[in-house]
Amino acid sequence: MTVLAAGAVIWRRTAADSVEVLLVERAKHRDISIPKGKLDPGETLPECAVREMLEETGIEIQLGAPLGTSEYRLPGGSEKIVHYWQAEARKKAIKRSNFKPNSEIKALRWLPLFKAKQRCTYEHDVRMLERFQARFEQQQLETVAIVALRHAKAEPYPEHGGDAARELSGRGKKQAKAIAPGVAAFGVRKVFASTATRCEQTSAPLAKLVGTETKLKRYLSQDHYSGDVDSIGRKIRKSLDKRRSIVMCSHLPVLPAIVAAVALETEAEVTQEIRQSAQLRTAEFSVFHVLPGEQPRLLGVETHSAPV
């Protein structure tokens, strides 16, 4: 049996050239570690990471780029795989934290990186902090997320209205609700979707969750897409200039154009991993983590599926 979990290296800037990271001191286990928690049924890993950080530390975070996984055996013999992200704790979020020592978490410890590595009980946590340190030393902590989302499962063609009028099926509606917290975990602020009904309906729960309205764009519709990535590229460029994370909900034939636009704007090599990130099943989404600046750079990409 494999146990899935998610966590984050939560960090805050203490000066222009230094940061502190947050560790938790657990009462029951008598250890000091990076905060993490088990995946609940019906949630995505990004949703799990945000939920667990809030439960354990009282701090509401937005996920940055992934740091990879830690894999180890539990005392009972089961394999545990923990997915980690880097996540900045904003001053307002820290101030709003309602953390109080409890039976699970005895204390929170903000520490400089070198002290944090010394205080960690487990070697796999030390290795994760070293990955984070490499990102910090290369100035790769602050990223913008560009999310490509394929619409959820839709009903067959209706009698009237054609393909664009197809609505979500019962399963599709469940998928749309299930993925919304996972997409929102990356700090999405703007939601764009194809003019097709199924794309608008897929993005609706997400837009409601993040407190915005879905903006419908013809250039994201497979009925109007002509192979020109300029319109998509301009929207991505604008979001990077404003350092604002966005999602684009579209169709399988258009997703490669979104991915191509990200690659063009970041001057990224189009690897097999990047190509594969466009081959999404219904309600899957790929997150492109971009370092903004005069010449944006693609730091990483990850793909997640609907849990239903």
C-alpha atoms as a PDB file:
ATOM      1  CA  MET A   1       0.000   0.000   0.000  1.00  0.00           C
ATOM      2  CA  THR A   2       1.263   3.469  -0.898  1.00  0.00           C
ATOM      3  CA  VAL A   3       0.401   6.439   1.305  1.00  0.00           C
ATOM      4  CA  LEU A   4       0.242   9.761  -0.565  1.00  0.00           C
ATOM      5  CA  ALA A   5       0.844  13.049   1.219  1.00  0.00           C
ATOM      6  CA  ALA A   6       1.659  16.661   0.439  1.00  0.00           C
ATOM      7  CA  GLY A   7       3.561  19.448   2.137  1.00  0.00           C
ATOM      8  CA  ALA A   8       5.414  22.685   1.554  1.00  0.00           C
ATOM      9  CA  VAL A   9       8.619  24.447   2.419  1.00  0.00           C
ATOM     10  CA  ILE A  10       6.992  27.633   3.687  1.00  0.00           C
ATOM     11  CA  TRP A  11       9.359  30.584   3.534  1.00  0.00           C
ATOM     12  CA  ARG A  12       9.454  34.274   4.355  1.00  0.00           C
ATOM     13  CA  ARG A  13      11.957  36.889   3.360  1.00  0.00           C
ATOM     14  CA  THR A  14      13.808  38.491   6.290  1.00  0.00           C
ATOM     15  CA  ALA A  15      16.070  40.697   4.158  1.00  0.00           C
ATOM     16  CA  ALA A  16      16.892  41.203   0.505  1.00  0.00           C
ATOM     17  CA  ASP A  17      19.366  38.327   0.606  1.00  0.00           C
ATOM     18  CA  SER A  18      18.038  35.993   3.302  1.00  0.00           C
ATOM     19  CA  VAL A  19      14.982  33.890   4.150  1.00  0.00           C
ATOM     20  CA  GLU A  20      13.611  31.818   6.977  1.00  0.00           C
ATOM     21  CA  VAL A  21      11.680  28.555   6.603  1.00  0.00           C
ATOM     22  CA  LEU A  22       8.950  27.156   8.805  1.00  0.00           C
ATOM     23  CA  LEU A  23       9.282  23.843  10.639  1.00  0.00           C
ATOM     24  CA  VAL A  24       6.767  22.201  12.957  1.00  0.00           C
ATOM     25  CA  GLU A  25       7.540  20.523  16.252  1.00  0.00           C
ATOM     26  CA  ARG A  26       5.202  17.564  16.598  1.00  0.00           C
ATOM     27  CA  ALA A  27       4.186  16.511  20.093  1.00  0.00           C
ATOM     28  CA  LYS A  28       3.169  12.888  19.440  1.00  0.00           C
ATOM     29  CA  HIS A  29       6.170  12.002  17.271  1.00  0.00           C
ATOM     30  CA  ARG A  30       8.605  14.140  19.240  1.00  0.00           C
ATOM     31  CA  ASP A  31      10.252  15.408  16.080  1.00  0.00           C
ATOM     32  CA  ILE A  32      10.855  18.571  14.064  1.00  0.00           C
ATOM     33  CA  SER A  33       9.969  18.437  10.403  1.00  0.00           C
ATOM     34  CA  ILE A  34       8.639  20.169   7.307  1.00  0.00           C
ATOM     35  CA  PRO A  35       4.833  20.411   7.613  1.00  0.00           C
ATOM     36  CA  LYS A  36       2.915  17.837   5.589  1.00  0.00           C
ATOM     37  CA  GLY A  37      -0.193  15.668   5.710  1.00  0.00           C
ATOM     38  CA  LYS A  38      -1.996  12.752   4.096  1.00  0.00           C
ATOM     39  CA  LEU A  39      -4.129  13.066   0.995  1.00  0.00           C
ATOM     40  CA  ASP A  40      -7.860  12.885   1.729  1.00  0.00           C
ATOM     41  CA  PRO A  41     -10.249  11.052  -0.606  1.00  0.00           C
ATOM     42  CA  GLY A  42     -11.576  13.299  -3.350  1.00  0.00           C
ATOM     43  CA  GLU A  43      -8.834  15.934  -3.290  1.00  0.00           C
ATOM     44  CA  THR A  44      -5.847  16.704  -5.507  1.00  0.00           C
ATOM     45  CA  LEU A  45      -2.319  16.877  -4.119  1.00  0.00           C
ATOM     46  CA  PRO A  46      -2.104  20.690  -4.430  1.00  0.00           C
ATOM     47  CA  GLU A  47      -5.375  21.038  -2.534  1.00  0.00           C
ATOM     48  CA  CYS A  48      -4.029  18.677   0.117  1.00  0.00           C
ATOM     49  CA  ALA A  49      -0.843  20.745   0.533  1.00  0.00           C
ATOM     50  CA  VAL A  50      -2.749  24.004   1.061  1.00  0.00           C
ATOM     51  CA  ARG A  51      -5.250  22.402   3.437  1.00  0.00           C
ATOM     52  CA  GLU A  52      -2.579  20.697   5.534  1.00  0.00           C
ATOM     53  CA  MET A  53      -0.492  23.856   5.823  1.00  0.00           C
ATOM     54  CA  LEU A  54      -3.524  25.748   7.079  1.00  0.00           C
ATOM     55  CA  GLU A  55      -4.424  22.997   9.555  1.00  0.00           C
ATOM     56  CA  GLU A  56      -0.905  22.582  10.908  1.00  0.00           C
ATOM     57  CA  THR A  57       0.353  26.172  10.908  1.00  0.00           C
ATOM     58  CA  GLY A  58      -2.726  28.379  10.592  1.00  0.00           C
ATOM     59  CA  ILE A  59      -1.117  30.033   7.565  1.00  0.00           C
ATOM     60  CA  GLU A  60      -2.969  30.263   4.260  1.00  0.00           C
ATOM     61  CA  ILE A  61      -0.482  29.740   1.445  1.00  0.00           C
ATOM     62  CA  GLN A  62      -0.306  29.729  -2.325  1.00  0.00           C
ATOM     63  CA  LEU A  63       1.880  27.093  -3.899  1.00  0.00           C
ATOM     64  CA  GLY A  64       4.930  28.013  -5.926  1.00  0.00           C
ATOM     65  CA  ALA A  65       7.031  25.617  -7.963  1.00  0.00           C
ATOM     66  CA  PRO A  66       7.210  21.931  -6.990  1.00  0.00           C
ATOM     67  CA  LEU A  67      10.306  20.709  -5.148  1.00  0.00           C
ATOM     68  CA  GLY A  68       9.828  17.032  -5.903  1.00  0.00           C
ATOM     69  CA  THR A  69       9.036  14.112  -3.625  1.00  0.00           C
ATOM     70  CA  SER A  70      10.354  12.292  -0.587  1.00  0.00           C
ATOM     71  CA  GLU A  71       9.822   8.540  -0.572  1.00  0.00           C
ATOM     72  CA  TYR A  72      10.366   6.299   2.425  1.00  0.00           C
ATOM     73  CA  ARG A  73       9.021   3.275   4.293  1.00  0.00           C
ATOM     74  CA  LEU A  74       6.700   3.611   7.258  1.00  0.00           C
ATOM     75  CA  PRO A  75       7.202   1.420  10.369  1.00  0.00           C
ATOM     76  CA  GLY A  76       4.392  -0.870   9.189  1.00  0.00           C
ATOM     77  CA  GLY A  77       6.114  -1.434   5.845  1.00  0.00           C
ATOM     78  CA  SER A  78       3.956   0.785   3.639  1.00  0.00           C
ATOM     79  CA  GLU A  79       5.619   3.159   1.195  1.00  0.00           C
ATOM     80  CA  LYS A  80       4.961   6.866   1.740  1.00  0.00           C
ATOM     81  CA  ILE A  81       5.372   9.422  -1.030  1.00  0.00           C
ATOM     82  CA  VAL A  82       5.232  13.092  -0.033  1.00  0.00           C
ATOM     83  CA  HIS A  83       4.943  15.782  -2.708  1.00  0.00           C
ATOM     84  CA  TYR A  84       6.425  19.163  -1.790  1.00  0.00           C
ATOM     85  CA  TRP A  85       6.164  22.708  -3.113  1.00  0.00           C
ATOM     86  CA  GLN A  86       7.843  25.954  -2.185  1.00  0.00           C
ATOM     87  CA  ALA A  87       5.390  28.485  -0.771  1.00  0.00           C
ATOM     88  CA  GLU A  88       5.906  32.030   0.416  1.00  0.00           C
ATOM     89  CA  ALA A  89       4.127  33.064   3.615  1.00  0.00           C
ATOM     90  CA  ARG A  90       2.953  36.635   3.103  1.00  0.00           C
ATOM     91  CA  LYS A  91       3.078  39.023   6.053  1.00  0.00           C
ATOM     92  CA  LYS A  92      -0.705  39.337   6.113  1.00  0.00           C
ATOM     93  CA  ALA A  93      -1.128  35.550   6.073  1.00  0.00           C
ATOM     94  CA  ILE A  94       1.287  35.147   8.995  1.00  0.00           C
ATOM     95  CA  LYS A  95      -0.501  37.882  10.910  1.00  0.00           C
ATOM     96  CA  ARG A  96      -3.872  36.176  10.308  1.00  0.00           C
ATOM     97  CA  SER A  97      -2.621  32.796  11.527  1.00  0.00           C
ATOM     98  CA  ASN A  98      -4.689  31.442  14.412  1.00  0.00           C
ATOM     99  CA  PHE A  99      -2.192  28.748  15.386  1.00  0.00           C
ATOM    100  CA  LYS A 100      -2.216  27.564  18.961  1.00  0.00           C
ATOM    101  CA  PRO A 101      -0.134  24.678  20.376  1.00  0.00           C
ATOM    102  CA  ASN A 102      -2.180  21.483  20.273  1.00  0.00           C
ATOM    103  CA  SER A 103      -1.949  17.721  20.670  1.00  0.00           C
ATOM    104  CA  GLU A 104      -0.518  17.364  17.141  1.00  0.00           C
ATOM    105  CA  ILE A 105       1.708  20.435  16.676  1.00  0.00           C
ATOM    106  CA  LYS A 106       3.559  21.598  19.778  1.00  0.00           C
ATOM    107  CA  ALA A 107       5.224  24.663  18.229  1.00  0.00           C
ATOM    108  CA  LEU A 108       6.131  26.477  15.003  1.00  0.00           C
ATOM    109  CA  ARG A 109       9.792  27.265  14.344  1.00  0.00           C
ATOM    110  CA  TRP A 110      10.893  30.005  11.918  1.00  0.00           C
ATOM    111  CA  LEU A 111      14.570  29.351  11.246  1.00  0.00           C
ATOM    112  CA  PRO A 112      17.332  30.404   8.841  1.00  0.00           C
ATOM    113  CA  LEU A 113      18.107  27.654   6.362  1.00  0.00           C
ATOM    114  CA  PHE A 114      21.330  26.475   7.986  1.00  0.00           C
ATOM    115  CA  LYS A 115      19.652  26.152  11.390  1.00  0.00           C
ATOM    116  CA  ALA A 116      16.593  24.497   9.901  1.00  0.00           C
ATOM    117  CA  LYS A 117      18.757  21.768   8.369  1.00  0.00           C
ATOM    118  CA  GLN A 118      20.414  21.218  11.742  1.00  0.00           C
ATOM    119  CA  ARG A 119      17.099  20.985  13.589  1.00  0.00           C
ATOM    120  CA  CYS A 120      15.322  18.601  11.206  1.00  0.00           C
ATOM    121  CA  THR A 121      14.875  15.132  12.668  1.00  0.00           C
ATOM    122  CA  TYR A 122      14.785  13.323   9.317  1.00  0.00           C
ATOM    123  CA  GLU A 123      17.367  13.170   6.568  1.00  0.00           C
ATOM    124  CA  HIS A 124      14.709  13.320   3.819  1.00  0.00           C
ATOM    125  CA  ASP A 125      13.610  16.703   5.188  1.00  0.00           C
ATOM    126  CA  VAL A 126      17.206  17.922   5.092  1.00  0.00           C
ATOM    127  CA  ARG A 127      17.465  16.886   1.448  1.00  0.00           C
ATOM    128  CA  MET A 128      14.253  18.774   0.651  1.00  0.00           C
ATOM    129  CA  LEU A 129      15.611  21.900   2.347  1.00  0.00           C
ATOM    130  CA  GLU A 130      18.771  21.565   0.267  1.00  0.00           C
ATOM    131  CA  ARG A 131      16.664  21.561  -2.901  1.00  0.00           C
ATOM    132  CA  PHE A 132      14.925  24.672  -1.642  1.00  0.00           C
ATOM    133  CA  GLN A 133      18.272  26.280  -0.809  1.00  0.00           C
ATOM    134  CA  ALA A 134      19.462  25.688  -4.372  1.00  0.00           C
ATOM    135  CA  ARG A 135      16.354  27.491  -5.635  1.00  0.00           C
ATOM    136  CA  PHE A 136      16.969  30.375  -3.220  1.00  0.00           C
ATOM    137  CA  GLU A 137      20.619  30.720  -4.254  1.00  0.00           C
ATOM    138  CA  GLN A 138      19.572  30.835  -7.920  1.00  0.00           C
ATOM    139  CA  GLN A 139      16.836  33.420  -7.200  1.00  0.00           C
ATOM    140  CA  GLN A 140      14.079  31.001  -8.189  1.00  0.00           C
ATOM    141  CA  LEU A 141      11.585  31.419  -5.367  1.00  0.00           C
ATOM    142  CA  GLU A 142       9.002  33.833  -6.805  1.00  0.00           C
ATOM    143  CA  THR A 143       7.076  32.410  -9.745  1.00  0.00           C
ATOM    144  CA  VAL A 144       3.892  33.030 -11.718  1.00  0.00           C
ATOM    145  CA  ALA A 145       1.597  30.120 -12.589  1.00  0.00           C
ATOM    146  CA  ILE A 146       0.109  29.731 -16.065  1.00  0.00           C
ATOM    147  CA  VAL A 147      -2.470  26.944 -15.912  1.00  0.00           C
ATOM    148  CA  ALA A 148      -3.788  25.097 -18.963  1.00  0.00           C
ATOM    149  CA  LEU A 149      -7.050  23.305 -18.137  1.00  0.00           C
ATOM    150  CA  ARG A 150      -9.039  20.949 -20.330  1.00  0.00           C
ATOM    151  CA  HIS A 151     -12.796  21.112 -19.872  1.00  0.00           C
ATOM    152  CA  ALA A 152     -14.521  18.426 -17.815  1.00  0.00           C
ATOM    153  CA  LYS A 153     -16.563  15.542 -19.253  1.00  0.00           C
ATOM    154  CA  ALA A 154     -19.381  16.795 -21.478  1.00  0.00           C
ATOM    155  CA  GLU A 155     -22.684  15.397 -22.696  1.00  0.00           C
ATOM    156  CA  PRO A 156     -23.005  14.171 -26.306  1.00  0.00           C
ATOM    157  CA  TYR A 157     -24.065  16.578 -29.061  1.00  0.00           C
ATOM    158  CA  PRO A 158     -27.387  18.290 -28.299  1.00  0.00           C
ATOM    159  CA  GLU A 159     -30.234  18.353 -30.797  1.00  0.00           C
ATOM    160  CA  HIS A 160     -29.788  22.104 -31.201  1.00  0.00           C
ATOM    161  CA  GLY A 161     -26.779  24.406 -30.833  1.00  0.00           C
ATOM    162  CA  GLY A 162     -23.993  22.170 -32.111  1.00  0.00           C
ATOM    163  CA  ASP A 163     -20.740  21.252 -30.395  1.00  0.00           C
ATOM    164  CA  ALA A 164     -20.258  24.590 -28.627  1.00  0.00           C
ATOM    165  CA  ALA A 165     -23.573  24.157 -26.782  1.00  0.00           C
ATOM    166  CA  ARG A 166     -22.634  20.831 -25.153  1.00  0.00           C
ATOM    167  CA  GLU A 167     -23.050  21.005 -21.388  1.00  0.00           C
ATOM    168  CA  LEU A 168     -21.168  19.116 -18.700  1.00  0.00           C
ATOM    169  CA  SER A 169     -22.386  15.654 -17.816  1.00  0.00           C
ATOM    170  CA  GLY A 170     -23.110  14.671 -14.235  1.00  0.00           C
ATOM    171  CA  ARG A 171     -19.573  13.357 -13.924  1.00  0.00           C
ATOM    172  CA  GLY A 172     -18.225  16.516 -15.547  1.00  0.00           C
ATOM    173  CA  LYS A 173     -19.950  18.725 -12.970  1.00  0.00           C
ATOM    174  CA  LYS A 174     -18.375  16.675 -10.185  1.00  0.00           C
ATOM    175  CA  GLN A 175     -14.973  16.983 -11.872  1.00  0.00           C
ATOM    176  CA  ALA A 176     -15.289  20.763 -12.191  1.00  0.00           C
ATOM    177  CA  LYS A 177     -16.021  21.127  -8.472  1.00  0.00           C
ATOM    178  CA  ALA A 178     -13.288  18.668  -7.495  1.00  0.00           C
ATOM    179  CA  ILE A 179     -10.454  20.371  -9.386  1.00  0.00           C
ATOM    180  CA  ALA A 180     -11.307  23.956  -8.405  1.00  0.00           C
ATOM    181  CA  PRO A 181      -9.391  23.933  -5.075  1.00  0.00           C
ATOM    182  CA  GLY A 182      -6.391  22.271  -6.720  1.00  0.00           C
ATOM    183  CA  VAL A 183      -6.140  24.942  -9.415  1.00  0.00           C
ATOM    184  CA  ALA A 184      -6.813  27.717  -6.895  1.00  0.00           C
ATOM    185  CA  ALA A 185      -3.925  26.397  -4.770  1.00  0.00           C
ATOM    186  CA  PHE A 186      -1.499  28.086  -7.186  1.00  0.00           C
ATOM    187  CA  GLY A 187      -2.820  31.571  -6.499  1.00  0.00           C
ATOM    188  CA  VAL A 188      -4.857  31.931  -9.694  1.00  0.00           C
ATOM    189  CA  ARG A 189      -6.429  35.394  -9.944  1.00  0.00           C
ATOM    190  CA  LYS A 190      -7.815  35.496 -13.493  1.00  0.00           C
ATOM    191  CA  VAL A 191      -9.884  32.817 -15.234  1.00  0.00           C
ATOM    192  CA  PHE A 192     -10.191  32.677 -19.028  1.00  0.00           C
ATOM    193  CA  ALA A 193     -12.208  30.102 -20.955  1.00  0.00           C
ATOM    194  CA  SER A 194     -13.370  29.133 -24.401  1.00  0.00           C
ATOM    195  CA  THR A 195     -16.792  30.398 -25.406  1.00  0.00           C
ATOM    196  CA  ALA A 196     -18.020  26.788 -25.499  1.00  0.00           C
ATOM    197  CA  THR A 197     -20.572  26.032 -22.768  1.00  0.00           C
ATOM    198  CA  ARG A 198     -18.597  23.091 -21.368  1.00  0.00           C
ATOM    199  CA  CYS A 199     -15.518  25.281 -20.824  1.00  0.00           C
ATOM    200  CA  GLU A 200     -17.533  28.035 -19.169  1.00  0.00           C
ATOM    201  CA  GLN A 201     -19.185  25.483 -16.877  1.00  0.00           C
ATOM    202  CA  THR A 202     -15.853  23.831 -16.035  1.00  0.00           C
ATOM    203  CA  SER A 203     -14.300  27.113 -14.953  1.00  0.00           C
ATOM    204  CA  ALA A 204     -17.346  28.394 -13.027  1.00  0.00           C
ATOM    205  CA  PRO A 205     -16.595  26.675  -9.662  1.00  0.00           C
ATOM    206  CA  LEU A 206     -12.986  27.864  -9.842  1.00  0.00           C
ATOM    207  CA  ALA A 207     -13.957  31.459 -10.645  1.00  0.00           C
ATOM    208  CA  LYS A 208     -16.405  31.472  -7.738  1.00  0.00           C
ATOM    209  CA  LEU A 209     -13.776  30.049  -5.391  1.00  0.00           C
ATOM    210  CA  VAL A 210     -11.154  32.696  -6.199  1.00  0.00           C
ATOM    211  CA  GLY A 211     -13.678  35.551  -6.274  1.00  0.00           C
ATOM    212  CA  THR A 212     -13.655  36.494  -9.943  1.00  0.00           C
ATOM    213  CA  GLU A 213     -15.674  36.020 -13.127  1.00  0.00           C
ATOM    214  CA  THR A 214     -14.768  33.835 -16.055  1.00  0.00           C
ATOM    215  CA  LYS A 215     -13.786  35.847 -19.113  1.00  0.00           C
ATOM    216  CA  LEU A 216     -14.800  34.054 -22.315  1.00  0.00           C
ATOM    217  CA  LYS A 217     -12.310  34.253 -25.197  1.00  0.00           C
ATOM    218  CA  ARG A 218     -12.992  33.198 -28.780  1.00  0.00           C
ATOM    219  CA  TYR A 219      -9.317  32.475 -29.373  1.00  0.00           C
ATOM    220  CA  LEU A 220      -9.559  29.633 -26.801  1.00  0.00           C
ATOM    221  CA  SER A 221     -12.460  28.016 -28.694  1.00  0.00           C
ATOM    222  CA  GLN A 222     -11.699  25.114 -31.004  1.00  0.00           C
ATOM    223  CA  ASP A 223     -14.368  26.458 -33.358  1.00  0.00           C
ATOM    224  CA  HIS A 224     -12.451  29.713 -33.878  1.00  0.00           C
ATOM    225  CA  TYR A 225      -8.839  28.637 -33.338  1.00  0.00           C
ATOM    226  CA  SER A 226      -6.797  29.035 -36.523  1.00  0.00           C
ATOM    227  CA  GLY A 227      -3.345  27.997 -35.363  1.00  0.00           C
ATOM    228  CA  ASP A 228      -2.258  31.514 -34.381  1.00  0.00           C
ATOM    229  CA  VAL A 229      -0.784  31.621 -30.875  1.00  0.00           C
ATOM    230  CA  ASP A 230      -0.314  35.421 -30.794  1.00  0.00           C
ATOM    231  CA  SER A 231      -3.529  36.198 -28.900  1.00  0.00           C
ATOM    232  CA  ILE A 232      -2.760  33.530 -26.317  1.00  0.00           C
ATOM    233  CA  GLY A 233       0.825  34.736 -26.079  1.00  0.00           C
ATOM    234  CA  ARG A 234      -0.241  38.348 -25.483  1.00  0.00           C
ATOM    235  CA  LYS A 235      -2.469  37.277 -22.594  1.00  0.00           C
ATOM    236  CA  ILE A 236       0.332  35.221 -21.058  1.00  0.00           C
ATOM    237  CA  ARG A 237       2.810  38.072 -21.499  1.00  0.00           C
ATOM    238  CA  LYS A 238       0.430  40.484 -19.782  1.00  0.00           C
ATOM    239  CA  SER A 239      -0.032  38.148 -16.830  1.00  0.00           C
ATOM    240  CA  LEU A 240       3.728  37.729 -16.455  1.00  0.00           C
ATOM    241  CA  ASP A 241       4.288  41.483 -16.609  1.00  0.00           C
ATOM    242  CA  LYS A 242       1.712  41.927 -13.846  1.00  0.00           C
ATOM    243  CA  ARG A 243       2.971  38.859 -11.956  1.00  0.00           C
ATOM    244  CA  ARG A 244      -0.562  37.499 -11.915  1.00  0.00           C
ATOM    245  CA  SER A 245      -1.303  33.769 -12.113  1.00  0.00           C
ATOM    246  CA  ILE A 246      -4.002  32.765 -14.601  1.00  0.00           C
ATOM    247  CA  VAL A 247      -5.861  29.738 -15.929  1.00  0.00           C
ATOM    248  CA  MET A 248      -6.949  29.097 -19.507  1.00  0.00           C
ATOM    249  CA  CYS A 249      -9.716  26.514 -19.935  1.00  0.00           C
ATOM    250  CA  SER A 250      -9.936  25.119 -23.427  1.00  0.00           C
ATOM    251  CA  HIS A 251     -10.168  22.050 -25.677  1.00  0.00           C
ATOM    252  CA  LEU A 252      -7.702  19.294 -26.553  1.00  0.00           C
ATOM    253  CA  PRO A 253      -6.963  20.719 -30.070  1.00  0.00           C
ATOM    254  CA  VAL A 254      -6.146  24.162 -28.590  1.00  0.00           C
ATOM    255  CA  LEU A 255      -4.069  23.066 -25.588  1.00  0.00           C
ATOM    256  CA  PRO A 256      -0.866  22.639 -27.672  1.00  0.00           C
ATOM    257  CA  ALA A 257      -1.190  26.309 -28.677  1.00  0.00           C
ATOM    258  CA  ILE A 258      -1.320  27.361 -25.009  1.00  0.00           C
ATOM    259  CA  VAL A 259       1.742  25.263 -24.278  1.00  0.00           C
ATOM    260  CA  ALA A 260       3.526  26.621 -27.367  1.00  0.00           C
ATOM    261  CA  ALA A 261       2.759  30.186 -26.261  1.00  0.00           C
ATOM    262  CA  VAL A 262       4.245  29.520 -22.821  1.00  0.00           C
ATOM    263  CA  ALA A 263       7.370  28.079 -24.438  1.00  0.00           C
ATOM    264  CA  LEU A 264       7.690  31.057 -26.798  1.00  0.00           C
ATOM    265  CA  GLU A 265       7.257  33.643 -24.045  1.00  0.00           C
ATOM    266  CA  THR A 266       9.827  31.921 -21.824  1.00  0.00           C
ATOM    267  CA  GLU A 267      12.196  30.851 -24.630  1.00  0.00           C
ATOM    268  CA  ALA A 268      11.948  27.319 -23.271  1.00  0.00           C
ATOM    269  CA  GLU A 269      13.114  24.265 -25.150  1.00  0.00           C
ATOM    270  CA  VAL A 270      10.087  22.227 -26.177  1.00  0.00           C
ATOM    271  CA  THR A 271      10.930  18.933 -24.503  1.00  0.00           C
ATOM    272  CA  GLN A 272       8.868  15.744 -24.473  1.00  0.00           C
ATOM    273  CA  GLU A 273       7.644  16.684 -20.987  1.00  0.00           C
ATOM    274  CA  ILE A 274       6.352  20.029 -22.253  1.00  0.00           C
ATOM    275  CA  ARG A 275       4.671  18.409 -25.260  1.00  0.00           C
ATOM    276  CA  GLN A 276       3.067  15.820 -23.002  1.00  0.00           C
ATOM    277  CA  SER A 277       1.671  18.554 -20.760  1.00  0.00           C
ATOM    278  CA  ALA A 278      -0.749  19.464 -23.571  1.00  0.00           C
ATOM    279  CA  GLN A 279      -2.136  15.928 -23.902  1.00  0.00           C
ATOM    280  CA  LEU A 280      -4.697  16.244 -21.138  1.00  0.00           C
ATOM    281  CA  ARG A 281      -7.713  14.109 -20.383  1.00  0.00           C
ATOM    282  CA  THR A 282     -10.955  15.795 -19.387  1.00  0.00           C
ATOM    283  CA  ALA A 283     -10.595  17.948 -16.244  1.00  0.00           C
ATOM    284  CA  GLU A 284      -6.815  17.548 -16.151  1.00  0.00           C
ATOM    285  CA  PHE A 285      -4.649  20.627 -15.801  1.00  0.00           C
ATOM    286  CA  SER A 286      -0.991  21.478 -16.343  1.00  0.00           C
ATOM    287  CA  VAL A 287       0.712  24.200 -14.317  1.00  0.00           C
ATOM    288  CA  PHE A 288       3.645  26.091 -15.831  1.00  0.00           C
ATOM    289  CA  HIS A 289       5.791  27.819 -13.216  1.00  0.00           C
ATOM    290  CA  VAL A 290       7.456  30.871 -14.736  1.00  0.00           C
ATOM    291  CA  LEU A 291      10.114  33.164 -13.287  1.00  0.00           C
ATOM    292  CA  PRO A 292       8.935  36.646 -14.331  1.00  0.00           C
ATOM    293  CA  GLY A 293      11.275  39.398 -15.431  1.00  0.00           C
ATOM    294  CA  GLU A 294      12.627  41.092 -18.522  1.00  0.00           C
ATOM    295  CA  GLN A 295      13.061  37.638 -20.044  1.00  0.00           C
ATOM    296  CA  PRO A 296      10.723  35.188 -18.301  1.00  0.00           C
ATOM    297  CA  ARG A 297      12.043  31.663 -17.754  1.00  0.00           C
ATOM    298  CA  LEU A 298      10.147  28.415 -17.352  1.00  0.00           C
ATOM    299  CA  LEU A 299      11.148  26.775 -14.084  1.00  0.00           C
ATOM    300  CA  GLY A 300       8.946  23.701 -14.135  1.00  0.00           C
ATOM    301  CA  VAL A 301       5.688  22.059 -15.165  1.00  0.00           C
ATOM    302  CA  GLU A 302       3.349  19.654 -13.395  1.00  0.00           C
ATOM    303  CA  THR A 303       0.085  17.954 -14.360  1.00  0.00           C
ATOM    304  CA  HIS A 304      -2.830  16.905 -12.161  1.00  0.00           C
ATOM    305  CA  SER A 305      -6.001  14.890 -12.733  1.00  0.00           C
ATOM    306  CA  ALA A 306      -9.500  15.212 -11.354  1.00  0.00           C
ATOM    307  CA  PRO A 307      -9.912  12.919  -8.313  1.00  0.00           C
ATOM    308  CA  VAL A 308     -13.398  11.849  -9.490  1.00  0.00           C
END
